[in-house]
Protein backbone atom coordinates (compact mmCIF):
# COMPACT_ATOMS: atom_id res chain seq x y z
CA MET A 1 -80.58 -9.45 18.12
CA SER A 2 -78.19 -7.87 15.42
CA PRO A 3 -78.08 -4.49 14.49
CA ARG A 4 -79.44 -3.47 11.26
CA THR A 5 -79.79 -0.39 8.61
CA ASP A 6 -83.00 1.19 7.58
CA ASP A 7 -83.26 -1.32 4.80
CA ASP A 8 -82.38 -4.61 6.39
CA PRO A 9 -84.46 -6.90 8.59
CA LEU A 10 -83.25 -7.89 12.12
CA VAL A 11 -81.48 -11.42 12.08
CA ALA A 12 -80.92 -13.36 15.06
CA ASP A 13 -77.59 -13.67 16.23
CA VAL A 14 -76.02 -17.35 16.12
CA ALA A 15 -75.67 -18.47 19.71
CA ARG A 16 -71.91 -18.58 20.74
CA ASP A 17 -69.46 -18.14 24.03
CA ASP A 18 -67.87 -14.90 24.29
CA ALA A 19 -64.52 -16.79 24.90
CA TYR A 20 -64.97 -19.28 21.86
CA PRO A 21 -67.07 -17.21 19.22
CA LEU A 22 -66.63 -19.53 16.35
CA ILE A 23 -68.26 -22.51 18.14
CA ARG A 24 -71.96 -22.84 17.36
CA ASP A 25 -72.60 -25.33 20.20
CA GLU A 26 -69.86 -25.73 22.26
CA ARG A 27 -71.13 -28.58 24.62
CA ALA A 28 -72.05 -30.59 21.59
CA CYS A 29 -68.73 -29.95 19.82
CA VAL A 30 -66.79 -30.82 23.19
CA VAL A 31 -68.88 -33.88 23.65
CA THR A 32 -67.91 -34.96 20.04
CA ALA A 33 -64.37 -34.59 20.50
CA LEU A 34 -64.46 -36.65 23.95
CA ARG A 35 -66.07 -39.67 22.02
CA LEU A 36 -63.61 -39.26 19.30
CA GLY A 37 -60.70 -39.54 21.56
CA TRP A 38 -62.53 -42.52 23.33
CA TRP A 39 -63.10 -44.01 19.68
CA MET A 40 -59.38 -43.99 18.71
CA ALA A 41 -58.23 -45.59 21.80
CA ASP A 42 -60.59 -48.36 21.27
CA ALA A 43 -59.80 -48.45 17.63
CA TYR A 44 -55.84 -48.68 18.40
CA HIS A 45 -56.71 -51.58 21.08
CA HIS A 46 -58.75 -53.36 18.72
CA ALA A 47 -56.15 -53.34 15.96
CA GLN A 48 -53.64 -54.62 18.74
CA THR A 49 -55.88 -57.64 19.43
CA ALA A 50 -58.13 -58.49 16.29
CA GLU A 51 -57.47 -60.76 13.56
CA PRO A 52 -55.67 -59.01 10.93
CA ARG A 53 -57.50 -60.43 8.07
CA ASP A 54 -61.34 -60.82 7.29
CA ARG A 55 -62.56 -64.27 7.45
CA GLY A 56 -65.88 -63.43 5.65
CA ALA A 57 -64.86 -66.09 3.06
CA ASP A 58 -64.93 -68.89 5.73
CA ARG A 59 -68.12 -68.25 6.86
CA PRO A 60 -70.55 -71.20 6.36
CA ALA A 61 -72.86 -70.95 3.53
CA GLY A 62 -76.16 -70.87 5.54
CA ALA A 63 -77.49 -68.18 7.55
CA PRO A 64 -76.42 -67.60 11.26
CA ALA A 65 -78.76 -68.49 13.61
CA LYS A 66 -78.98 -64.75 14.75
CA LEU A 67 -77.63 -61.13 13.66
CA SER A 68 -73.92 -60.61 14.28
CA ASN A 69 -73.13 -58.90 17.59
CA LEU A 70 -70.61 -56.30 17.57
CA THR A 71 -68.08 -58.53 19.21
CA GLU A 72 -68.89 -61.18 16.57
CA MET A 73 -67.77 -58.67 13.69
CA PRO A 74 -64.82 -59.53 11.95
CA GLY A 75 -61.53 -57.55 13.01
CA PRO A 76 -61.25 -55.64 9.74
CA ARG A 77 -64.92 -54.69 9.36
CA ARG A 78 -65.00 -53.23 12.93
CA LEU A 79 -62.01 -51.04 12.38
CA GLN A 80 -63.44 -49.91 9.20
CA MET A 81 -66.59 -49.01 11.46
CA TYR A 82 -64.06 -47.05 13.85
CA LEU A 83 -62.91 -45.41 11.01
CA ASP A 84 -66.19 -44.47 9.66
CA GLY A 85 -66.86 -43.01 13.38
CA VAL A 86 -63.74 -40.83 12.97
CA ASP A 87 -64.89 -39.36 9.61
CA VAL A 88 -68.30 -38.37 10.97
CA ALA A 89 -66.92 -36.90 14.21
CA VAL A 90 -64.24 -34.75 12.12
CA ALA A 91 -67.14 -33.43 10.05
CA ARG A 92 -69.40 -32.44 12.75
CA ILE A 93 -66.61 -30.83 14.81
CA ALA A 94 -65.43 -28.71 11.53
CA GLU A 95 -69.18 -28.11 11.13
CA LEU A 96 -69.79 -26.78 14.80
CA THR A 97 -66.33 -24.58 14.76
CA ARG A 98 -66.95 -23.54 11.10
CA ARG A 99 -63.24 -24.77 10.75
CA VAL A 100 -62.08 -24.38 6.98
CA GLY A 101 -59.10 -26.00 5.23
CA PRO A 102 -57.90 -29.54 5.09
CA ALA A 103 -58.89 -32.02 7.88
CA PRO A 104 -57.49 -35.18 9.11
CA THR A 105 -58.19 -38.33 6.72
CA THR A 106 -58.28 -41.84 7.27
CA ALA A 107 -57.34 -43.25 3.76
CA ASP A 108 -53.88 -44.26 4.88
CA ALA A 109 -55.29 -46.36 7.93
CA ARG A 110 -57.99 -47.68 5.98
CA GLY A 111 -55.48 -48.82 3.27
CA ARG A 112 -53.65 -50.89 5.96
CA VAL A 113 -56.98 -52.18 7.08
CA ALA A 114 -57.22 -53.69 3.67
CA ASP A 115 -53.70 -54.78 3.54
CA GLY A 116 -53.84 -56.76 6.77
CA SER A 117 -50.45 -55.69 7.90
CA GLY A 118 -50.43 -55.15 11.87
CA ASP A 119 -47.72 -52.94 12.52
CA ALA A 120 -48.06 -50.98 9.63
CA LEU A 121 -51.61 -50.45 10.72
CA LEU A 122 -50.85 -49.56 14.34
CA LEU A 123 -48.47 -46.88 12.78
CA ALA A 124 -51.24 -45.59 10.45
CA LEU A 125 -53.56 -45.38 13.62
CA ASP A 126 -50.99 -43.51 15.57
CA ASP A 127 -50.35 -41.06 12.66
CA LEU A 128 -53.99 -40.38 12.64
CA ASN A 129 -54.11 -39.91 16.40
CA VAL A 130 -51.34 -37.10 16.06
CA GLU A 131 -53.13 -35.61 13.26
CA LEU A 132 -56.38 -35.43 15.32
CA LEU A 133 -54.65 -34.07 18.30
CA ARG A 134 -52.98 -31.37 16.03
CA TRP A 135 -55.95 -30.54 14.25
CA THR A 136 -58.49 -30.28 17.34
CA MET A 137 -55.85 -28.42 19.42
CA ALA A 138 -55.37 -25.79 16.58
CA THR A 139 -59.34 -25.71 16.04
CA ASP A 140 -60.05 -24.82 19.68
CA GLN A 141 -58.32 -25.41 22.93
CA ARG A 142 -61.22 -26.83 24.75
CA VAL A 143 -62.09 -29.13 21.64
CA GLY A 144 -58.37 -30.41 21.85
CA LEU A 145 -58.34 -31.08 25.67
CA ALA A 146 -61.78 -33.00 25.20
CA TYR A 147 -60.19 -35.23 22.72
CA ARG A 148 -56.98 -35.69 25.14
CA LEU A 149 -59.64 -36.36 27.83
CA GLY A 150 -61.34 -39.03 26.05
CA ARG A 151 -58.35 -40.99 24.93
CA SER A 152 -56.81 -40.65 28.29
CA LEU A 153 -59.72 -42.31 30.05
CA ALA A 154 -60.00 -45.22 27.35
CA ASP A 155 -56.34 -45.66 27.88
CA THR A 156 -56.75 -45.73 31.69
CA VAL A 157 -59.30 -48.24 31.80
CA ARG A 158 -57.38 -50.56 29.26
CA TYR A 159 -54.57 -50.70 31.75
CA GLY A 160 -56.43 -52.86 33.79
CA GLU A 161 -56.32 -55.85 31.25
CA ALA A 162 -52.29 -55.79 32.07
CA VAL A 163 -53.13 -57.54 35.59
CA ARG A 164 -54.27 -60.57 33.61
CA HIS A 165 -50.77 -60.55 32.08
CA GLY A 166 -49.34 -60.11 35.71
CA ASP A 167 -47.85 -56.33 35.37
CA ALA A 168 -50.27 -55.12 38.34
CA GLY A 169 -47.61 -52.68 39.63
CA GLN A 170 -47.67 -50.96 36.19
CA VAL A 171 -51.65 -50.86 36.57
CA ALA A 172 -51.14 -49.26 40.06
CA HIS A 173 -48.64 -46.66 38.99
CA ARG A 174 -50.27 -45.72 35.78
CA PHE A 175 -53.72 -45.25 36.98
CA GLY A 176 -52.76 -43.26 40.11
CA GLY A 177 -50.39 -40.91 38.01
CA ARG A 178 -53.08 -40.14 35.63
CA GLN A 179 -55.66 -38.93 37.96
CA PHE A 180 -54.62 -35.74 38.72
CA GLU A 181 -53.96 -34.63 35.01
CA ILE A 182 -57.39 -35.82 34.17
CA GLY A 183 -58.99 -34.41 37.14
CA ARG A 184 -57.60 -30.96 35.93
CA TRP A 185 -58.71 -31.46 32.29
CA LEU A 186 -62.23 -32.10 33.63
CA GLY A 187 -62.25 -29.14 36.25
CA GLU A 188 -61.24 -27.19 32.92
CA LEU A 189 -64.19 -28.64 30.76
CA ALA A 190 -66.75 -28.71 33.71
CA SER A 191 -68.49 -25.49 32.31
CA VAL A 192 -69.29 -27.55 28.97
CA LEU A 193 -69.55 -30.99 29.75
CA PRO A 194 -73.10 -32.05 30.90
CA PRO A 195 -74.56 -30.99 34.29
CA TYR A 196 -72.76 -32.83 37.19
CA SER A 197 -70.83 -35.06 35.04
CA ALA A 198 -67.20 -33.46 35.34
CA ALA A 199 -67.34 -33.43 39.46
CA VAL A 200 -69.13 -36.95 39.55
CA VAL A 201 -66.42 -38.17 37.22
CA ARG A 202 -63.68 -36.63 39.25
CA ARG A 203 -64.93 -38.02 42.28
CA SER A 204 -65.29 -41.47 41.26
CA LEU A 205 -61.82 -41.54 39.37
CA SER A 206 -60.04 -40.44 42.64
CA ALA A 207 -61.96 -43.39 44.73
CA TRP A 208 -60.77 -45.69 41.81
CA ALA A 209 -57.36 -44.26 42.12
CA SER A 210 -57.30 -44.77 45.91
CA ALA A 211 -58.53 -48.38 45.44
CA VAL A 212 -55.96 -49.32 43.01
CA THR A 213 -53.17 -48.07 45.25
CA ARG A 214 -54.37 -49.90 48.32
CA ALA A 215 -54.57 -53.03 46.23
CA GLY A 216 -51.09 -52.48 44.75
CA VAL A 217 -49.58 -52.47 48.31
CA GLY A 218 -51.52 -55.64 49.65
CA ASP A 219 -54.40 -53.74 51.76
CA PRO A 220 -56.49 -56.42 53.06
CA THR A 221 -59.40 -54.43 53.53
CA GLU A 222 -59.42 -53.39 49.74
CA ALA A 223 -60.11 -55.59 46.64
CA GLY A 224 -57.62 -57.37 44.89
CA LEU A 225 -56.23 -56.04 41.64
CA PRO A 226 -57.91 -58.89 39.69
CA GLU A 227 -61.29 -57.80 40.86
CA LEU A 228 -60.71 -54.29 39.92
CA ALA A 229 -59.33 -55.19 36.69
CA ARG A 230 -62.43 -57.21 35.68
CA GLU A 231 -64.65 -54.39 36.66
CA LEU A 232 -62.62 -51.19 35.14
CA ARG A 233 -63.72 -51.55 31.74
CA ASN A 234 -67.58 -51.50 32.74
CA GLN A 235 -66.51 -48.41 34.94
CA GLY A 236 -64.88 -46.63 32.03
CA GLU A 237 -67.89 -47.15 29.87
CA LEU A 238 -70.23 -45.47 32.66
CA TRP A 239 -67.75 -42.83 32.76
CA GLN A 240 -67.72 -42.08 29.08
CA SER A 241 -71.47 -42.41 29.34
CA VAL A 242 -71.98 -39.84 31.53
CA LEU A 243 -69.29 -37.21 30.30
CA THR A 244 -71.20 -37.22 26.82
CA GLY A 245 -74.42 -37.26 28.22
CA GLY A 246 -75.94 -40.34 27.74
CA LEU A 247 -76.53 -41.12 31.15
CA HIS A 248 -77.70 -38.34 33.70
CA PRO A 249 -76.11 -39.44 36.99
CA ARG A 250 -79.00 -38.03 38.58
CA ASP A 251 -81.16 -40.66 37.21
CA LEU A 252 -79.47 -43.32 39.23
CA LEU A 253 -80.49 -41.80 42.53
CA ASP A 254 -83.68 -43.25 44.51
CA GLU A 255 -85.66 -42.27 47.51
CA GLU A 256 -82.82 -43.41 49.94
CA ASP A 257 -80.25 -41.23 48.30
CA TYR A 258 -82.42 -38.13 48.48
CA ALA A 259 -83.27 -39.04 51.94
CA ILE A 260 -79.29 -39.22 52.80
CA VAL A 261 -79.06 -35.82 50.83
CA ALA A 262 -81.62 -34.24 52.94
CA ARG A 263 -80.13 -35.56 56.21
CA ASN A 264 -76.82 -34.45 55.27
CA LEU A 265 -78.03 -31.09 54.22
CA ILE A 266 -80.01 -30.87 57.37
CA VAL A 267 -76.78 -31.72 59.75
CA ARG A 268 -74.62 -29.08 57.72
CA ASP A 269 -77.10 -26.26 58.20
CA ARG A 270 -77.52 -26.97 61.73
CA LYS A 271 -73.75 -26.38 62.11
CA LEU A 272 -73.74 -23.45 59.86
CA VAL A 273 -76.56 -21.97 61.89
CA ALA A 274 -74.68 -22.75 65.41
CA GLN A 275 -71.49 -21.18 64.13
CA ALA A 276 -73.25 -17.98 62.62
CA VAL A 277 -75.33 -17.47 65.82
CA ARG A 278 -72.00 -17.64 67.80
CA GLY A 279 -70.43 -15.06 65.34
CA ILE A 280 -73.35 -12.23 65.51
CA PHE A 281 -74.22 -13.03 69.21
CA TRP A 282 -71.66 -10.60 70.71
CA PRO A 283 -71.24 -7.83 68.27
CA VAL A 284 -74.96 -7.64 67.24
CA LEU A 285 -77.29 -9.26 69.36
CA VAL A 286 -76.32 -8.33 72.62
CA PRO A 287 -76.12 -4.71 72.04
CA LEU A 288 -79.45 -4.89 70.40
CA LEU A 289 -81.01 -6.63 73.33
CA ALA A 290 -79.33 -4.39 75.90
CA VAL A 291 -80.83 -1.30 73.98
CA LEU A 292 -84.18 -2.85 73.65
CA PHE A 293 -84.18 -4.06 77.55
CA ALA A 294 -83.36 -0.39 78.57
CA VAL A 295 -85.78 1.15 76.27
CA VAL A 296 -88.58 -1.36 77.74
CA GLY A 297 -87.52 -0.81 81.24
CA VAL A 298 -87.98 3.00 80.78
CA SER A 299 -90.92 3.07 79.24
CA ALA A 300 -92.38 0.54 81.81
CA LEU A 301 -91.20 2.82 84.45
CA ALA A 302 -92.77 5.95 83.05
CA ALA A 303 -96.21 4.48 82.40
CA ALA A 304 -99.05 5.47 84.70
CA GLY A 305 -101.55 3.26 86.10
CA SER A 306 -101.34 -0.02 88.34
CA PRO A 307 -98.53 -2.65 87.96
CA VAL A 308 -100.39 -4.88 85.72
CA THR A 309 -100.76 -2.10 83.13
CA ARG A 310 -97.10 -1.45 83.62
CA ALA A 311 -96.28 -5.33 82.94
CA ALA A 312 -98.41 -5.07 79.99
CA VAL A 313 -96.80 -2.19 78.59
CA ALA A 314 -93.34 -3.67 79.12
CA LEU A 315 -94.58 -7.13 77.52
CA LEU A 316 -95.85 -5.13 74.33
CA GLY A 317 -92.70 -3.41 74.15
CA LEU A 318 -90.41 -6.27 74.35
CA GLY A 319 -92.51 -8.25 71.70
CA ALA A 320 -92.46 -5.16 69.39
CA GLY A 321 -88.59 -4.83 70.02
CA LEU A 322 -87.94 -8.62 69.26
CA ALA A 323 -90.34 -8.51 66.13
CA ALA A 324 -88.16 -5.66 64.90
CA ILE A 325 -84.91 -7.35 65.79
CA TRP A 326 -86.11 -10.70 63.76
CA ARG A 327 -87.10 -8.68 60.76
CA THR A 328 -83.67 -6.81 60.75
CA VAL A 329 -81.74 -10.02 61.21
CA SER A 330 -83.74 -12.69 59.36
CA GLY A 331 -83.93 -10.80 55.97
CA PRO A 332 -80.38 -11.01 55.42
CA ALA A 333 -79.59 -14.34 57.10
CA LEU A 334 -82.23 -15.92 55.07
CA ALA A 335 -80.84 -14.74 51.58
CA VAL A 336 -77.45 -15.57 52.90
CA ALA A 337 -78.85 -19.08 53.75
CA ALA A 338 -80.22 -19.76 50.39
CA GLU A 339 -77.09 -18.94 48.90
CA VAL A 340 -74.88 -20.95 51.10
CA ASN A 341 -77.68 -23.98 50.61
CA ARG A 342 -77.31 -24.01 46.72
CA PRO A 343 -73.76 -25.31 46.65
CA LEU A 344 -74.12 -27.42 49.56
CA LEU A 345 -77.10 -29.19 47.88
CA GLU A 346 -75.01 -29.61 44.88
CA SER A 347 -71.80 -30.97 46.48
CA GLU A 348 -74.21 -33.52 48.52
CA LEU A 349 -75.93 -34.59 45.10
CA THR A 350 -72.57 -34.90 43.45
CA ALA A 351 -71.35 -37.03 46.29
CA ARG A 352 -74.38 -39.28 46.34
CA MET A 353 -74.18 -39.27 42.61
CA ALA A 354 -70.35 -40.44 42.43
CA VAL A 355 -71.26 -43.30 44.52
CA ARG A 356 -74.09 -44.58 42.51
CA VAL A 357 -71.79 -44.40 39.47
CA ASP A 358 -69.04 -46.43 41.18
CA ARG A 359 -71.24 -49.32 41.27
CA PRO A 360 -68.49 -51.44 39.30
CA LEU A 361 -66.14 -50.51 42.30
CA ALA A 362 -68.87 -51.68 44.68
CA ALA A 363 -68.98 -55.04 42.69
CA ALA A 364 -65.30 -55.50 42.75
CA ARG A 365 -65.34 -55.22 46.42
CA ALA A 366 -67.91 -57.50 47.07
CA ALA A 367 -66.03 -60.18 44.91
CA GLY A 368 -62.98 -59.29 46.80
CA ARG A 369 -64.81 -59.85 50.23
CA ALA A 370 -66.35 -63.21 48.78
CA ARG A 371 -62.98 -64.56 47.86
CA ARG A 372 -61.32 -63.91 51.05
CA GLN A 373 -63.98 -65.44 53.20
CA ARG A 374 -64.12 -68.65 51.03
CA ARG A 375 -62.36 -71.64 52.69
CA PRO A 376 -58.97 -72.67 51.22
CA ASP A 377 -60.22 -75.92 50.26
CA GLU A 378 -63.45 -74.50 48.30
CA PRO A 379 -62.61 -74.36 44.78
CA ALA A 380 -65.42 -71.78 43.57
CA PRO A 381 -68.33 -70.06 45.25
CA ARG A 382 -71.47 -71.99 46.02
CA SER A 383 -74.94 -71.13 44.68
CA LYS A 384 -77.23 -69.58 46.94
CA SER A 385 -79.78 -72.23 46.20
CA VAL A 386 -77.61 -75.29 47.50
CA ALA A 387 -76.70 -75.84 50.90
CA PRO A 388 -73.24 -76.34 52.02
CA LEU A 389 -71.77 -79.84 52.90
CA SER A 390 -71.94 -80.59 56.55
CA PRO A 391 -71.10 -83.83 58.73
CA ALA A 392 -73.49 -86.29 59.47
CA ASP A 393 -75.46 -85.86 62.29
CA LEU A 394 -74.55 -88.53 64.80
CA PRO A 395 -76.59 -89.86 68.20
């Protein structure tokens, strides 16, 4: 609560990050900036490939059979939608960061969309991108970093489309080169992105970079560049959904995944316990056991009575001593085990979530195996419901 004077009521402080005191909701701000970067990359790519003019006048007089889909939207209208999204994101970031002053405007780009001029539109979008980058970086470093991350991820998955044009070498080079910088950005933003998202996407990105590199050098055990290119855009959509909170990667796990996590955790715990026992056996346990046996032996020899009585005294002393040693060692050991198991569990869960997020990569590898196993004279994969051709059975 805020401090008050005698005449002022208590007023709750606005939630804020100590390192970035101007941001009301840092996660929402960073996620919005990441979406904005992805949005701008999509807008630029669409401006490169869409029809420059609206064909609304050429539409038939009758109503369509169904509502138009996003992919069926005329190019200029879709670009206007992208620019609307930019305006909304900029306004939201300005509100969350309490940023005052002029903000980037989409007026020039909207005018170029209306003119239908291709190169001028691309230049206007690039100028808008530079203004957004300058504005977000000046507003807050993490916000600017999130904008760069979203744009770079979108550009990375767009490079897969160059494979269709025969530029496979550029795809392998650019994808592999971007992995380290994007991974560094993910590490810097991990604390403000949705839980697990940064670590999961970093692992997935590393797996894709390795696959693209192996495919580029012709590794026969890896999927080909055409198969990877077909699935790369789907993978990018999953990355974007995970990083912006639309998809929690833990929701992709099933009973089998949790069983694998439990098995791996037990195996790692067993190794840690063995290493810990070896580490404390000679410096800790051996002296304690030596002292215990000495005390028990002296007590048994000094006890009066029959040998059975002495044996009973020795057993009672040994049990009490072992219980005391267990209480002394087990408390700190269990506390340390609880602290160690927490990051181990997080690591195992992250590994399994990354495997589940990499479903497009698995699909590309399956398509590559099917292509390699196909007979050279077989033009296309056969349906599972149709039996393959076979020679006639002769007597």
